[in-house]
Amino acid sequence: MNFPHPADYFFHVQDGLCPAQSNFYPMNTFEKIYSIFAIVFAIALTVLLITRPEMRQLGILLPTSAVGLLVNVILMFIIFRDIFSRQFPSRRGRAFWTGLLLVCWPAIVVYLPLYGFRRR
């Protein structure tokens, strides 16, 4: 069984440093479900911290925030892998979405329906 090199997730080897083609490693069903779960988890955690003051104790906040960090780091890996293996209509699309998602996490809620959940 041939496994792809990790760099192949982002670039074709024969093209040097050219972006991957449009149908290269599409976002699978698990990644789509995980993306929705991560967004719901982040919203639920935020609502709980705002509405329930007893959740703001260090003993509860540290483990919950650590789990939230892990969930969102995995989500960002999935999203960036999708961005770098997708063809965008404009030349600056990849840079725009990468920068926007690094600066503003809630932009994932806009990116996923526009590009992430669609075929490349």
PDB file of N, CA and C in Angstrom:
ATOM      1  N   MET A   1       0.835  -1.168   0.000  1.00  0.00           N
ATOM      2  CA  MET A   1       0.000   0.000   0.000  1.00  0.00           C
ATOM      3  C   MET A   1       0.888   1.242   0.000  1.00  0.00           C
ATOM      4  N   ASN A   2       0.659   2.143  -0.920  1.00  0.00           N
ATOM      5  CA  ASN A   2       1.460   3.358  -1.012  1.00  0.00           C
ATOM      6  C   ASN A   2       0.792   4.486  -0.246  1.00  0.00           C
ATOM      7  N   PHE A   3       1.510   5.053   0.698  1.00  0.00           N
ATOM      8  CA  PHE A   3       1.015   6.194   1.449  1.00  0.00           C
ATOM      9  C   PHE A   3       1.650   7.460   0.902  1.00  0.00           C
ATOM     10  N   PRO A   4       0.879   8.547   0.803  1.00  0.00           N
ATOM     11  CA  PRO A   4       1.467   9.782   0.277  1.00  0.00           C
ATOM     12  C   PRO A   4       2.431  10.412   1.267  1.00  0.00           C
ATOM     13  N   HIS A   5       3.390  11.101   0.739  1.00  0.00           N
ATOM     14  CA  HIS A   5       4.322  11.864   1.564  1.00  0.00           C
ATOM     15  C   HIS A   5       3.556  13.015   2.205  1.00  0.00           C
ATOM     16  N   PRO A   6       3.863  13.400   3.456  1.00  0.00           N
ATOM     17  CA  PRO A   6       3.120  14.492   4.094  1.00  0.00           C
ATOM     18  C   PRO A   6       3.096  15.787   3.287  1.00  0.00           C
ATOM     19  N   ALA A   7       4.143  16.064   2.538  1.00  0.00           N
ATOM     20  CA  ALA A   7       4.159  17.285   1.726  1.00  0.00           C
ATOM     21  C   ALA A   7       3.138  17.228   0.598  1.00  0.00           C
ATOM     22  N   ASP A   8       2.730  16.018   0.198  1.00  0.00           N
ATOM     23  CA  ASP A   8       1.756  15.886  -0.877  1.00  0.00           C
ATOM     24  C   ASP A   8       0.379  16.396  -0.487  1.00  0.00           C
ATOM     25  N   TYR A   9       0.127  16.564   0.808  1.00  0.00           N
ATOM     26  CA  TYR A   9      -1.149  17.137   1.213  1.00  0.00           C
ATOM     27  C   TYR A   9      -1.273  18.566   0.707  1.00  0.00           C
ATOM     28  N   PHE A  10      -0.162  19.242   0.557  1.00  0.00           N
ATOM     29  CA  PHE A  10      -0.176  20.645   0.188  1.00  0.00           C
ATOM     30  C   PHE A  10       0.333  20.909  -1.223  1.00  0.00           C
ATOM     31  N   PHE A  11       1.254  20.103  -1.714  1.00  0.00           N
ATOM     32  CA  PHE A  11       1.868  20.375  -3.000  1.00  0.00           C
ATOM     33  C   PHE A  11       2.053  19.087  -3.785  1.00  0.00           C
ATOM     34  N   HIS A  12       1.992  19.202  -5.101  1.00  0.00           N
ATOM     35  CA  HIS A  12       2.326  18.077  -5.957  1.00  0.00           C
ATOM     36  C   HIS A  12       3.840  18.016  -6.093  1.00  0.00           C
ATOM     37  N   VAL A  13       4.397  16.829  -5.957  1.00  0.00           N
ATOM     38  CA  VAL A  13       5.844  16.676  -6.014  1.00  0.00           C
ATOM     39  C   VAL A  13       6.359  17.024  -7.406  1.00  0.00           C
ATOM     40  N   GLN A  14       5.669  16.559  -8.461  1.00  0.00           N
ATOM     41  CA  GLN A  14       6.166  16.794  -9.805  1.00  0.00           C
ATOM     42  C   GLN A  14       6.072  18.262 -10.215  1.00  0.00           C
ATOM     43  N   ASP A  15       5.244  19.065  -9.539  1.00  0.00           N
ATOM     44  CA  ASP A  15       5.100  20.477  -9.879  1.00  0.00           C
ATOM     45  C   ASP A  15       5.987  21.370  -9.031  1.00  0.00           C
ATOM     46  N   GLY A  16       6.822  20.813  -8.205  1.00  0.00           N
ATOM     47  CA  GLY A  16       7.641  21.633  -7.332  1.00  0.00           C
ATOM     48  C   GLY A  16       6.789  22.231  -6.227  1.00  0.00           C
ATOM     49  N   LEU A  17       6.692  23.529  -6.161  1.00  0.00           N
ATOM     50  CA  LEU A  17       5.934  24.198  -5.108  1.00  0.00           C
ATOM     51  C   LEU A  17       4.620  24.755  -5.633  1.00  0.00           C
ATOM     52  N   CYS A  18       4.014  24.092  -6.573  1.00  0.00           N
ATOM     53  CA  CYS A  18       2.714  24.535  -7.084  1.00  0.00           C
ATOM     54  C   CYS A  18       1.608  24.028  -6.170  1.00  0.00           C
ATOM     55  N   PRO A  19       0.559  24.813  -5.965  1.00  0.00           N
ATOM     56  CA  PRO A  19      -0.553  24.354  -5.131  1.00  0.00           C
ATOM     57  C   PRO A  19      -1.170  23.072  -5.685  1.00  0.00           C
ATOM     58  N   ALA A  20      -1.712  22.297  -4.809  1.00  0.00           N
ATOM     59  CA  ALA A  20      -2.335  21.035  -5.206  1.00  0.00           C
ATOM     60  C   ALA A  20      -3.537  21.284  -6.105  1.00  0.00           C
ATOM     61  N   GLN A  21      -3.884  20.298  -6.894  1.00  0.00           N
ATOM     62  CA  GLN A  21      -5.005  20.436  -7.827  1.00  0.00           C
ATOM     63  C   GLN A  21      -6.341  20.393  -7.087  1.00  0.00           C
ATOM     64  N   SER A  22      -7.399  20.726  -7.787  1.00  0.00           N
ATOM     65  CA  SER A  22      -8.693  20.949  -7.150  1.00  0.00           C
ATOM     66  C   SER A  22      -9.322  19.696  -6.546  1.00  0.00           C
ATOM     67  N   ASN A  23      -9.037  18.513  -7.045  1.00  0.00           N
ATOM     68  CA  ASN A  23      -9.662  17.309  -6.492  1.00  0.00           C
ATOM     69  C   ASN A  23      -8.684  16.504  -5.648  1.00  0.00           C
ATOM     70  N   PHE A  24      -7.691  17.103  -5.088  1.00  0.00           N
ATOM     71  CA  PHE A  24      -6.646  16.450  -4.317  1.00  0.00           C
ATOM     72  C   PHE A  24      -7.033  16.438  -2.852  1.00  0.00           C
ATOM     73  N   TYR A  25      -7.247  15.278  -2.263  1.00  0.00           N
ATOM     74  CA  TYR A  25      -7.608  15.104  -0.861  1.00  0.00           C
ATOM     75  C   TYR A  25      -8.822  15.936  -0.446  1.00  0.00           C
ATOM     76  N   PRO A  26      -9.994  15.591  -0.904  1.00  0.00           N
ATOM     77  CA  PRO A  26     -11.192  16.347  -0.481  1.00  0.00           C
ATOM     78  C   PRO A  26     -11.488  16.127   0.997  1.00  0.00           C
ATOM     79  N   MET A  27     -12.197  17.077   1.585  1.00  0.00           N
ATOM     80  CA  MET A  27     -12.595  16.968   2.985  1.00  0.00           C
ATOM     81  C   MET A  27     -13.583  15.803   3.094  1.00  0.00           C
ATOM     82  N   ASN A  28     -13.253  14.796   3.885  1.00  0.00           N
ATOM     83  CA  ASN A  28     -14.122  13.625   3.978  1.00  0.00           C
ATOM     84  C   ASN A  28     -15.241  13.844   5.002  1.00  0.00           C
ATOM     85  N   THR A  29     -16.130  12.872   5.129  1.00  0.00           N
ATOM     86  CA  THR A  29     -17.300  12.995   6.002  1.00  0.00           C
ATOM     87  C   THR A  29     -16.897  13.171   7.460  1.00  0.00           C
ATOM     88  N   PHE A  30     -15.893  12.426   7.909  1.00  0.00           N
ATOM     89  CA  PHE A  30     -15.447  12.563   9.296  1.00  0.00           C
ATOM     90  C   PHE A  30     -14.976  13.982   9.577  1.00  0.00           C
ATOM     91  N   GLU A  31     -14.207  14.557   8.662  1.00  0.00           N
ATOM     92  CA  GLU A  31     -13.712  15.920   8.857  1.00  0.00           C
ATOM     93  C   GLU A  31     -14.853  16.940   8.868  1.00  0.00           C
ATOM     94  N   LYS A  32     -15.855  16.722   8.055  1.00  0.00           N
ATOM     95  CA  LYS A  32     -17.015  17.621   8.056  1.00  0.00           C
ATOM     96  C   LYS A  32     -17.768  17.535   9.380  1.00  0.00           C
ATOM     97  N   ILE A  33     -17.990  16.314   9.866  1.00  0.00           N
ATOM     98  CA  ILE A  33     -18.685  16.133  11.143  1.00  0.00           C
ATOM     99  C   ILE A  33     -17.842  16.706  12.284  1.00  0.00           C
ATOM    100  N   TYR A  34     -16.528  16.476  12.244  1.00  0.00           N
ATOM    101  CA  TYR A  34     -15.650  17.008  13.278  1.00  0.00           C
ATOM    102  C   TYR A  34     -15.673  18.537  13.279  1.00  0.00           C
ATOM    103  N   SER A  35     -15.702  19.140  12.105  1.00  0.00           N
ATOM    104  CA  SER A  35     -15.746  20.602  12.009  1.00  0.00           C
ATOM    105  C   SER A  35     -17.004  21.153  12.672  1.00  0.00           C
ATOM    106  N   ILE A  36     -18.125  20.525  12.411  1.00  0.00           N
ATOM    107  CA  ILE A  36     -19.377  20.964  13.026  1.00  0.00           C
ATOM    108  C   ILE A  36     -19.321  20.766  14.533  1.00  0.00           C
ATOM    109  N   PHE A  37     -18.796  19.614  14.971  1.00  0.00           N
ATOM    110  CA  PHE A  37     -18.661  19.351  16.402  1.00  0.00           C
ATOM    111  C   PHE A  37     -17.781  20.399  17.080  1.00  0.00           C
ATOM    112  N   ALA A  38     -16.664  20.751  16.466  1.00  0.00           N
ATOM    113  CA  ALA A  38     -15.741  21.717  17.069  1.00  0.00           C
ATOM    114  C   ALA A  38     -16.383  23.092  17.197  1.00  0.00           C
ATOM    115  N   ILE A  39     -17.148  23.498  16.208  1.00  0.00           N
ATOM    116  CA  ILE A  39     -17.819  24.801  16.267  1.00  0.00           C
ATOM    117  C   ILE A  39     -18.892  24.793  17.347  1.00  0.00           C
ATOM    118  N   VAL A  40     -19.680  23.725  17.414  1.00  0.00           N
ATOM    119  CA  VAL A  40     -20.718  23.617  18.448  1.00  0.00           C
ATOM    120  C   VAL A  40     -20.079  23.578  19.833  1.00  0.00           C
ATOM    121  N   PHE A  41     -18.966  22.863  19.971  1.00  0.00           N
ATOM    122  CA  PHE A  41     -18.262  22.799  21.250  1.00  0.00           C
ATOM    123  C   PHE A  41     -17.790  24.186  21.684  1.00  0.00           C
ATOM    124  N   ALA A  42     -17.205  24.942  20.767  1.00  0.00           N
ATOM    125  CA  ALA A  42     -16.713  26.285  21.095  1.00  0.00           C
ATOM    126  C   ALA A  42     -17.863  27.217  21.489  1.00  0.00           C
ATOM    127  N   ILE A  43     -18.959  27.136  20.771  1.00  0.00           N
ATOM    128  CA  ILE A  43     -20.124  27.977  21.097  1.00  0.00           C
ATOM    129  C   ILE A  43     -20.691  27.585  22.456  1.00  0.00           C
ATOM    130  N   ALA A  44     -20.828  26.286  22.700  1.00  0.00           N
ATOM    131  CA  ALA A  44     -21.369  25.820  23.979  1.00  0.00           C
ATOM    132  C   ALA A  44     -20.463  26.223  25.145  1.00  0.00           C
ATOM    133  N   LEU A  45     -19.167  26.093  24.966  1.00  0.00           N
ATOM    134  CA  LEU A  45     -18.223  26.483  26.020  1.00  0.00           C
ATOM    135  C   LEU A  45     -18.313  27.979  26.307  1.00  0.00           C
ATOM    136  N   THR A  46     -18.407  28.774  25.264  1.00  0.00           N
ATOM    137  CA  THR A  46     -18.532  30.224  25.447  1.00  0.00           C
ATOM    138  C   THR A  46     -19.827  30.589  26.162  1.00  0.00           C
ATOM    139  N   VAL A  47     -20.930  29.973  25.765  1.00  0.00           N
ATOM    140  CA  VAL A  47     -22.220  30.251  26.406  1.00  0.00           C
ATOM    141  C   VAL A  47     -22.192  29.842  27.877  1.00  0.00           C
ATOM    142  N   LEU A  48     -21.626  28.686  28.177  1.00  0.00           N
ATOM    143  CA  LEU A  48     -21.539  28.237  29.565  1.00  0.00           C
ATOM    144  C   LEU A  48     -20.690  29.181  30.415  1.00  0.00           C
ATOM    145  N   LEU A  49     -19.584  29.644  29.863  1.00  0.00           N
ATOM    146  CA  LEU A  49     -18.720  30.550  30.625  1.00  0.00           C
ATOM    147  C   LEU A  49     -19.372  31.916  30.850  1.00  0.00           C
ATOM    148  N   ILE A  50     -20.205  32.341  29.925  1.00  0.00           N
ATOM    149  CA  ILE A  50     -20.877  33.630  30.079  1.00  0.00           C
ATOM    150  C   ILE A  50     -22.059  33.521  31.040  1.00  0.00           C
ATOM    151  N   THR A  51     -22.834  32.460  30.933  1.00  0.00           N
ATOM    152  CA  THR A  51     -24.076  32.358  31.708  1.00  0.00           C
ATOM    153  C   THR A  51     -23.918  31.711  33.074  1.00  0.00           C
ATOM    154  N   ARG A  52     -22.868  30.936  33.289  1.00  0.00           N
ATOM    155  CA  ARG A  52     -22.709  30.240  34.568  1.00  0.00           C
ATOM    156  C   ARG A  52     -21.419  30.666  35.246  1.00  0.00           C
ATOM    157  N   PRO A  53     -21.494  31.601  36.193  1.00  0.00           N
ATOM    158  CA  PRO A  53     -20.284  32.091  36.872  1.00  0.00           C
ATOM    159  C   PRO A  53     -19.508  30.997  37.609  1.00  0.00           C
ATOM    160  N   GLU A  54     -20.175  29.949  38.074  1.00  0.00           N
ATOM    161  CA  GLU A  54     -19.465  28.887  38.793  1.00  0.00           C
ATOM    162  C   GLU A  54     -18.514  28.104  37.887  1.00  0.00           C
ATOM    163  N   MET A  55     -18.686  28.212  36.569  1.00  0.00           N
ATOM    164  CA  MET A  55     -17.780  27.548  35.623  1.00  0.00           C
ATOM    165  C   MET A  55     -16.450  28.288  35.493  1.00  0.00           C
ATOM    166  N   ARG A  56     -16.347  29.457  36.065  1.00  0.00           N
ATOM    167  CA  ARG A  56     -15.143  30.273  35.920  1.00  0.00           C
ATOM    168  C   ARG A  56     -14.091  29.963  36.992  1.00  0.00           C
ATOM    169  N   GLN A  57     -14.274  28.908  37.730  1.00  0.00           N
ATOM    170  CA  GLN A  57     -13.275  28.506  38.725  1.00  0.00           C
ATOM    171  C   GLN A  57     -12.114  27.815  38.018  1.00  0.00           C
ATOM    172  N   LEU A  58     -10.927  28.020  38.538  1.00  0.00           N
ATOM    173  CA  LEU A  58      -9.722  27.521  37.887  1.00  0.00           C
ATOM    174  C   LEU A  58      -9.737  25.999  37.715  1.00  0.00           C
ATOM    175  N   GLY A  59     -10.275  25.287  38.682  1.00  0.00           N
ATOM    176  CA  GLY A  59     -10.316  23.820  38.617  1.00  0.00           C
ATOM    177  C   GLY A  59     -11.187  23.299  37.475  1.00  0.00           C
ATOM    178  N   ILE A  60     -12.193  24.039  37.099  1.00  0.00           N
ATOM    179  CA  ILE A  60     -13.070  23.653  35.991  1.00  0.00           C
ATOM    180  C   ILE A  60     -12.579  24.269  34.681  1.00  0.00           C
ATOM    181  N   LEU A  61     -12.115  25.486  34.764  1.00  0.00           N
ATOM    182  CA  LEU A  61     -11.739  26.237  33.563  1.00  0.00           C
ATOM    183  C   LEU A  61     -10.500  25.673  32.870  1.00  0.00           C
ATOM    184  N   LEU A  62      -9.487  25.263  33.614  1.00  0.00           N
ATOM    185  CA  LEU A  62      -8.251  24.761  33.000  1.00  0.00           C
ATOM    186  C   LEU A  62      -8.461  23.491  32.170  1.00  0.00           C
ATOM    187  N   PRO A  63      -9.080  22.439  32.713  1.00  0.00           N
ATOM    188  CA  PRO A  63      -9.255  21.239  31.873  1.00  0.00           C
ATOM    189  C   PRO A  63     -10.201  21.473  30.698  1.00  0.00           C
ATOM    190  N   THR A  64     -11.245  22.254  30.925  1.00  0.00           N
ATOM    191  CA  THR A  64     -12.194  22.520  29.851  1.00  0.00           C
ATOM    192  C   THR A  64     -11.533  23.318  28.730  1.00  0.00           C
ATOM    193  N   SER A  65     -10.741  24.304  29.089  1.00  0.00           N
ATOM    194  CA  SER A  65     -10.041  25.106  28.086  1.00  0.00           C
ATOM    195  C   SER A  65      -8.964  24.296  27.371  1.00  0.00           C
ATOM    196  N   ALA A  66      -8.324  23.379  28.067  1.00  0.00           N
ATOM    197  CA  ALA A  66      -7.318  22.520  27.436  1.00  0.00           C
ATOM    198  C   ALA A  66      -7.962  21.620  26.380  1.00  0.00           C
ATOM    199  N   VAL A  67      -9.128  21.066  26.705  1.00  0.00           N
ATOM    200  CA  VAL A  67      -9.851  20.246  25.725  1.00  0.00           C
ATOM    201  C   VAL A  67     -10.274  21.113  24.540  1.00  0.00           C
ATOM    202  N   GLY A  68     -10.756  22.324  24.817  1.00  0.00           N
ATOM    203  CA  GLY A  68     -11.145  23.245  23.747  1.00  0.00           C
ATOM    204  C   GLY A  68      -9.970  23.601  22.853  1.00  0.00           C
ATOM    205  N   LEU A  69      -8.799  23.804  23.434  1.00  0.00           N
ATOM    206  CA  LEU A  69      -7.606  24.106  22.650  1.00  0.00           C
ATOM    207  C   LEU A  69      -7.244  22.939  21.737  1.00  0.00           C
ATOM    208  N   LEU A  70      -7.266  21.727  22.265  1.00  0.00           N
ATOM    209  CA  LEU A  70      -6.952  20.546  21.469  1.00  0.00           C
ATOM    210  C   LEU A  70      -7.939  20.379  20.320  1.00  0.00           C
ATOM    211  N   VAL A  71      -9.229  20.523  20.612  1.00  0.00           N
ATOM    212  CA  VAL A  71     -10.261  20.382  19.584  1.00  0.00           C
ATOM    213  C   VAL A  71     -10.047  21.408  18.474  1.00  0.00           C
ATOM    214  N   ASN A  72      -9.722  22.643  18.836  1.00  0.00           N
ATOM    215  CA  ASN A  72      -9.577  23.686  17.835  1.00  0.00           C
ATOM    216  C   ASN A  72      -8.258  23.628  17.079  1.00  0.00           C
ATOM    217  N   VAL A  73      -7.202  23.113  17.677  1.00  0.00           N
ATOM    218  CA  VAL A  73      -5.952  22.920  16.933  1.00  0.00           C
ATOM    219  C   VAL A  73      -6.166  21.876  15.840  1.00  0.00           C
ATOM    220  N   ILE A  74      -6.867  20.803  16.155  1.00  0.00           N
ATOM    221  CA  ILE A  74      -7.175  19.781  15.148  1.00  0.00           C
ATOM    222  C   ILE A  74      -8.067  20.374  14.063  1.00  0.00           C
ATOM    223  N   LEU A  75      -9.049  21.185  14.451  1.00  0.00           N
ATOM    224  CA  LEU A  75      -9.927  21.838  13.474  1.00  0.00           C
ATOM    225  C   LEU A  75      -9.124  22.743  12.545  1.00  0.00           C
ATOM    226  N   MET A  76      -8.205  23.522  13.092  1.00  0.00           N
ATOM    227  CA  MET A  76      -7.402  24.414  12.252  1.00  0.00           C
ATOM    228  C   MET A  76      -6.535  23.615  11.278  1.00  0.00           C
ATOM    229  N   PHE A  77      -5.991  22.478  11.705  1.00  0.00           N
ATOM    230  CA  PHE A  77      -5.218  21.630  10.795  1.00  0.00           C
ATOM    231  C   PHE A  77      -6.090  21.161   9.635  1.00  0.00           C
ATOM    232  N   ILE A  78      -7.313  20.709   9.942  1.00  0.00           N
ATOM    233  CA  ILE A  78      -8.234  20.237   8.906  1.00  0.00           C
ATOM    234  C   ILE A  78      -8.568  21.366   7.937  1.00  0.00           C
ATOM    235  N   ILE A  79      -8.859  22.546   8.471  1.00  0.00           N
ATOM    236  CA  ILE A  79      -9.249  23.670   7.628  1.00  0.00           C
ATOM    237  C   ILE A  79      -8.078  24.131   6.759  1.00  0.00           C
ATOM    238  N   PHE A  80      -6.882  24.260   7.334  1.00  0.00           N
ATOM    239  CA  PHE A  80      -5.735  24.713   6.539  1.00  0.00           C
ATOM    240  C   PHE A  80      -5.346  23.677   5.488  1.00  0.00           C
ATOM    241  N   ARG A  81      -5.476  22.412   5.804  1.00  0.00           N
ATOM    242  CA  ARG A  81      -5.215  21.374   4.799  1.00  0.00           C
ATOM    243  C   ARG A  81      -6.182  21.525   3.637  1.00  0.00           C
ATOM    244  N   ASP A  82      -7.443  21.840   3.950  1.00  0.00           N
ATOM    245  CA  ASP A  82      -8.440  22.045   2.893  1.00  0.00           C
ATOM    246  C   ASP A  82      -8.119  23.296   2.079  1.00  0.00           C
ATOM    247  N   ILE A  83      -7.732  24.365   2.736  1.00  0.00           N
ATOM    248  CA  ILE A  83      -7.417  25.617   2.025  1.00  0.00           C
ATOM    249  C   ILE A  83      -6.248  25.415   1.067  1.00  0.00           C
ATOM    250  N   PHE A  84      -5.191  24.739   1.527  1.00  0.00           N
ATOM    251  CA  PHE A  84      -4.003  24.600   0.693  1.00  0.00           C
ATOM    252  C   PHE A  84      -4.139  23.542  -0.394  1.00  0.00           C
ATOM    253  N   SER A  85      -5.183  22.749  -0.369  1.00  0.00           N
ATOM    254  CA  SER A  85      -5.372  21.771  -1.444  1.00  0.00           C
ATOM    255  C   SER A  85      -6.557  22.139  -2.334  1.00  0.00           C
ATOM    256  N   ARG A  86      -7.050  23.347  -2.233  1.00  0.00           N
ATOM    257  CA  ARG A  86      -8.213  23.788  -2.996  1.00  0.00           C
ATOM    258  C   ARG A  86      -7.816  24.873  -3.996  1.00  0.00           C
ATOM    259  N   GLN A  87      -8.485  24.845  -5.150  1.00  0.00           N
ATOM    260  CA  GLN A  87      -8.331  25.911  -6.136  1.00  0.00           C
ATOM    261  C   GLN A  87      -9.384  26.974  -5.851  1.00  0.00           C
ATOM    262  N   PHE A  88      -8.979  28.221  -5.757  1.00  0.00           N
ATOM    263  CA  PHE A  88      -9.895  29.325  -5.521  1.00  0.00           C
ATOM    264  C   PHE A  88     -10.119  30.095  -6.810  1.00  0.00           C
ATOM    265  N   PRO A  89     -11.273  30.777  -6.918  1.00  0.00           N
ATOM    266  CA  PRO A  89     -11.549  31.537  -8.149  1.00  0.00           C
ATOM    267  C   PRO A  89     -10.527  32.645  -8.413  1.00  0.00           C
ATOM    268  N   SER A  90     -10.032  33.288  -7.369  1.00  0.00           N
ATOM    269  CA  SER A  90      -9.036  34.342  -7.562  1.00  0.00           C
ATOM    270  C   SER A  90      -7.673  33.864  -7.072  1.00  0.00           C
ATOM    271  N   ARG A  91      -6.634  34.549  -7.524  1.00  0.00           N
ATOM    272  CA  ARG A  91      -5.279  34.165  -7.134  1.00  0.00           C
ATOM    273  C   ARG A  91      -5.029  34.381  -5.656  1.00  0.00           C
ATOM    274  N   ARG A  92      -5.677  35.361  -5.079  1.00  0.00           N
ATOM    275  CA  ARG A  92      -5.434  35.701  -3.676  1.00  0.00           C
ATOM    276  C   ARG A  92      -6.363  34.992  -2.703  1.00  0.00           C
ATOM    277  N   GLY A  93      -7.204  34.126  -3.181  1.00  0.00           N
ATOM    278  CA  GLY A  93      -8.162  33.447  -2.317  1.00  0.00           C
ATOM    279  C   GLY A  93      -7.519  32.653  -1.197  1.00  0.00           C
ATOM    280  N   ARG A  94      -6.483  31.914  -1.517  1.00  0.00           N
ATOM    281  CA  ARG A  94      -5.800  31.085  -0.518  1.00  0.00           C
ATOM    282  C   ARG A  94      -5.166  31.963   0.564  1.00  0.00           C
ATOM    283  N   ALA A  95      -4.490  33.020   0.156  1.00  0.00           N
ATOM    284  CA  ALA A  95      -3.858  33.920   1.123  1.00  0.00           C
ATOM    285  C   ALA A  95      -4.915  34.658   1.950  1.00  0.00           C
ATOM    286  N   PHE A  96      -6.008  35.056   1.298  1.00  0.00           N
ATOM    287  CA  PHE A  96      -7.069  35.765   2.006  1.00  0.00           C
ATOM    288  C   PHE A  96      -7.665  34.909   3.110  1.00  0.00           C
ATOM    289  N   TRP A  97      -8.050  33.665   2.781  1.00  0.00           N
ATOM    290  CA  TRP A  97      -8.688  32.805   3.783  1.00  0.00           C
ATOM    291  C   TRP A  97      -7.702  32.382   4.866  1.00  0.00           C
ATOM    292  N   THR A  98      -6.453  32.144   4.508  1.00  0.00           N
ATOM    293  CA  THR A  98      -5.454  31.794   5.518  1.00  0.00           C
ATOM    294  C   THR A  98      -5.278  32.928   6.511  1.00  0.00           C
ATOM    295  N   GLY A  99      -5.093  34.141   5.999  1.00  0.00           N
ATOM    296  CA  GLY A  99      -4.930  35.296   6.880  1.00  0.00           C
ATOM    297  C   GLY A  99      -6.163  35.572   7.718  1.00  0.00           C
ATOM    298  N   LEU A 100      -7.318  35.490   7.098  1.00  0.00           N
ATOM    299  CA  LEU A 100      -8.565  35.757   7.828  1.00  0.00           C
ATOM    300  C   LEU A 100      -8.785  34.746   8.946  1.00  0.00           C
ATOM    301  N   LEU A 101      -8.527  33.472   8.689  1.00  0.00           N
ATOM    302  CA  LEU A 101      -8.730  32.450   9.720  1.00  0.00           C
ATOM    303  C   LEU A 101      -7.692  32.546  10.833  1.00  0.00           C
ATOM    304  N   LEU A 102      -6.493  32.998  10.522  1.00  0.00           N
ATOM    305  CA  LEU A 102      -5.496  33.190  11.578  1.00  0.00           C
ATOM    306  C   LEU A 102      -5.834  34.371  12.472  1.00  0.00           C
ATOM    307  N   VAL A 103      -6.419  35.405  11.892  1.00  0.00           N
ATOM    308  CA  VAL A 103      -6.742  36.612  12.655  1.00  0.00           C
ATOM    309  C   VAL A 103      -8.093  36.496  13.360  1.00  0.00           C
ATOM    310  N   CYS A 104      -9.055  35.867  12.703  1.00  0.00           N
ATOM    311  CA  CYS A 104     -10.427  35.845  13.218  1.00  0.00           C
ATOM    312  C   CYS A 104     -10.990  34.424  13.116  1.00  0.00           C
ATOM    313  N   TRP A 105     -10.964  33.681  14.229  1.00  0.00           N
ATOM    314  CA  TRP A 105     -11.421  32.291  14.233  1.00  0.00           C
ATOM    315  C   TRP A 105     -12.861  32.127  13.753  1.00  0.00           C
ATOM    316  N   PRO A 106     -13.815  33.002  14.122  1.00  0.00           N
ATOM    317  CA  PRO A 106     -15.198  32.784  13.670  1.00  0.00           C
ATOM    318  C   PRO A 106     -15.387  32.804  12.156  1.00  0.00           C
ATOM    319  N   ALA A 107     -14.378  33.203  11.405  1.00  0.00           N
ATOM    320  CA  ALA A 107     -14.481  33.160   9.946  1.00  0.00           C
ATOM    321  C   ALA A 107     -14.625  31.723   9.437  1.00  0.00           C
ATOM    322  N   ILE A 108     -14.301  30.743  10.281  1.00  0.00           N
ATOM    323  CA  ILE A 108     -14.496  29.338   9.909  1.00  0.00           C
ATOM    324  C   ILE A 108     -15.975  29.076   9.621  1.00  0.00           C
ATOM    325  N   VAL A 109     -16.850  29.738  10.354  1.00  0.00           N
ATOM    326  CA  VAL A 109     -18.292  29.558  10.164  1.00  0.00           C
ATOM    327  C   VAL A 109     -18.704  30.030   8.766  1.00  0.00           C
ATOM    328  N   VAL A 110     -17.984  30.983   8.205  1.00  0.00           N
ATOM    329  CA  VAL A 110     -18.264  31.453   6.850  1.00  0.00           C
ATOM    330  C   VAL A 110     -17.551  30.573   5.824  1.00  0.00           C
ATOM    331  N   TYR A 111     -16.301  30.194   6.096  1.00  0.00           N
ATOM    332  CA  TYR A 111     -15.505  29.413   5.140  1.00  0.00           C
ATOM    333  C   TYR A 111     -16.122  28.037   4.862  1.00  0.00           C
ATOM    334  N   LEU A 112     -16.550  27.345   5.902  1.00  0.00           N
ATOM    335  CA  LEU A 112     -17.030  25.971   5.711  1.00  0.00           C
ATOM    336  C   LEU A 112     -18.207  25.867   4.747  1.00  0.00           C
ATOM    337  N   PRO A 113     -19.278  26.666   4.893  1.00  0.00           N
ATOM    338  CA  PRO A 113     -20.367  26.536   3.914  1.00  0.00           C
ATOM    339  C   PRO A 113     -19.970  27.015   2.510  1.00  0.00           C
ATOM    340  N   LEU A 114     -19.115  28.039   2.429  1.00  0.00           N
ATOM    341  CA  LEU A 114     -18.736  28.552   1.112  1.00  0.00           C
ATOM    342  C   LEU A 114     -17.808  27.606   0.357  1.00  0.00           C
ATOM    343  N   TYR A 115     -16.829  27.023   1.046  1.00  0.00           N
ATOM    344  CA  TYR A 115     -15.826  26.194   0.373  1.00  0.00           C
ATOM    345  C   TYR A 115     -15.639  24.823   1.017  1.00  0.00           C
ATOM    346  N   GLY A 116     -15.526  24.754   2.329  1.00  0.00           N
ATOM    347  CA  GLY A 116     -15.120  23.532   3.005  1.00  0.00           C
ATOM    348  C   GLY A 116     -16.016  22.337   2.790  1.00  0.00           C
ATOM    349  N   PHE A 117     -17.317  22.541   2.765  1.00  0.00           N
ATOM    350  CA  PHE A 117     -18.241  21.421   2.624  1.00  0.00           C
ATOM    351  C   PHE A 117     -18.552  21.102   1.158  1.00  0.00           C
ATOM    352  N   ARG A 118     -17.932  21.799   0.243  1.00  0.00           N
ATOM    353  CA  ARG A 118     -18.182  21.569  -1.182  1.00  0.00           C
ATOM    354  C   ARG A 118     -17.022  20.813  -1.795  1.00  0.00           C
ATOM    355  N   ARG A 119     -17.303  20.146  -2.898  1.00  0.00           N
ATOM    356  CA  ARG A 119     -16.242  19.431  -3.619  1.00  0.00           C
ATOM    357  C   ARG A 119     -15.301  20.439  -4.263  1.00  0.00           C
ATOM    358  N   ARG A 120     -14.086  20.000  -4.437  1.00  0.00           N
ATOM    359  CA  ARG A 120     -13.099  20.909  -5.014  1.00  0.00           C
ATOM    360  C   ARG A 120     -13.226  20.867  -6.493  1.00  0.00           C
TER     361      ARG A 120
END
